[in-house]
Amino acid sequence: MKNINSPSSLQAWLLYWSAHKGDNSAMVQPFLDGSVLDLSWREVASQALRLAAYLDQLKLPKESSIALFANNSVYWIITDMAIGFAGHVSVPIYSAAKPSLCRHVIEHSDVKAVFYDNETQVQATKQVLAEGRSIEWIYLPSAQHASSQQWASIQRTFEPIEVPVIPDADSLYTIAYTSGSTGIPKGVMHSACSPILVAEGLNQESPLTPEERLLSYLPLAHLAERGSVEAVAIRYGLTLYFSAGLETFNDDICRARPTLFFSVPRLWTKFYQRAVSIQAATGGEASNRDVLRALGLDYVKCAMSGSASLPEAIINYFHSLGIEILECYGMSENFGYSHGSRAGNVRVGYVGAPSPQVECRLTDEGEVLVKSPSMMLGYFKDEKATASVLTPDGFLRTGDLGHVDEQSRLKLIGRSKELFKTSKGKYVAPLPIEMALCNSTSIDNVCVMGENFQKPIALLQPSEEALDLMLEDESATTKRLLGVLNTLNDVLEEHEKLAKLIVLSDPWTVENECLTVTLKIKRTVIEQRYQKDLSTWYETPLDVLLHLA
């Protein structure tokens, strides 16, 4: 039994806030038609308990897997809570997941019911599922469609479940399949207390007040969003806002005016580019407050970034506006709770010191080992894989390489499995080189490769704005990038020096599987995508190659 405060599940806290601040605003859902739904704590709890009654009458086996295959919305949260109230286990599936991944998750976890909000995706998924599999399909309202007859019928027909299950601390809460940057996703099992421990740990790092506001727009299927947003909101009774999508995002964030804000480097870069455009449009006359207000970030008091390193230029820029971005680090196996930078003690390039109750040590080879209070129960149906990532004394083998400074702040220098060997027999860690190249805010993504080449090469994907400028003057672009290459090579070890930079305009996206849902590159996919061209590019005498559409 893990040592935590009571109540020990999100379901218990939802009922607590329903009783103690029932009329207060809990969750705010906008829709593409401009309408906005503002639900109180009592209404959220009531809908979750009615949905639990519906699930209960399905007479599913205890602790059945029930999938959430939908975009972020208040209905996603209500369904997640209802699954627990009915005594079952939630299994999130990324809303952009392809049928093959959906099939793997559904069949591997033996899903009995699926809540979804995209009929087209579901029909494609049904076509690849094995015949004879009995699954209940329930259509959720979504940001595109403010109502669903099936949802409305359930809420109208069923009274709140009379005896809801209140999960105890050690009961299985969720099976979250890894984002799949490498290999087949594994089902990470977490107990009901894991999200509570994450929320309470984050509160210790940055104390919360009842007036805090959060915005949920990164995928709730990823445990980082569930821990830093869903769990924090429900554990502390805070108001949680949602976005209806990219079309309305600016209106949605300006409505929320979040005080706590979690994002990823790709999106911080977009904020940066928009901020620069705002200042340019006003001839530099816009004040810091004006810029932040236009971005919807003027009330942010705690800003976090995770999943990959954030360029120093962006960190420094937002600091000049009055926002200190705190980089953090975690994995699905510890519910995204491991390390975090502290306000006033940020060291650029480091993900901070261990979070409260987290232990960290390095192996002789430099692998990062962590022990977190929110550690997984194990991989679903895979005891061998579980045993392979845990040390005898309970530390997680992260697979990340790093080093620690005198203040216990951790710097990540790459994944041990991502090291590749040149034809000269020297190992190269691609991540530090990629981080150095990404310090240019004109570059969205970088992938360094070079297995069995004499020297590594770097594939660059420019930002949309930078691509337009490159197309206007390719000669100037080549000259500028040649300077970047030479400057970088001057500080790299001999075996790390890049042979050339290759600029590609074809997009790397979640949809074409070049990026994970948290917008990290899928190295193996990208290498395979360009495998047939690598040798030709490498043999080309030019040091900078532009492949621009």
Foldseek 3Di string as FASTA:
>chain_A
DFDDDPPQFLLRLLVVCCVVVVADFQEWEAAPVGDIDTHGSVRLNFLLLLVLQVVLVVVDPAQAEEEEQEFDDSVSLSPLSNCQQNRYAYEYDYNLDALVLVQCSCVLRVHAEYEYADPVRVVRNVVPHDPPRHYHYHYDAASHGNDDPRSVCSSVPGGGHPRTHSFHNAAWHYFQWFLPLDDRTFTFTFGRNLLVQLLVLVCVQPPDDQAFEEEDHFGPSALLSCNVAVSNCSNNVHHYYYDRDPVCVQVRLLVGLGQEYEAEQLVLLVLVVVLVVVCVVVVNPQALLRSCSSSSPNNHPAAEYEDAAHQPVSQVVVVVSPYHYKYAADGVQSSRAFAIDHPPGDDHQWRHAGTPPKDWDADPVQFIWMAHSRGTPATPPCVPVRVVQADPVGIGRPQWGWDADPRRTIHTQAGVVQWAAELVGDTDGCRVVFNLVVSPSQWSGKAWDHHHHQEIEIETEGDPVSLVVCVVPVPVVLVVVVVVLVVSQVPDDPRHRHQAYEYAHDDQDVNVPQAGSSGDGSRVVVCVVCVVPVVVVSPDPRRYHYDHD
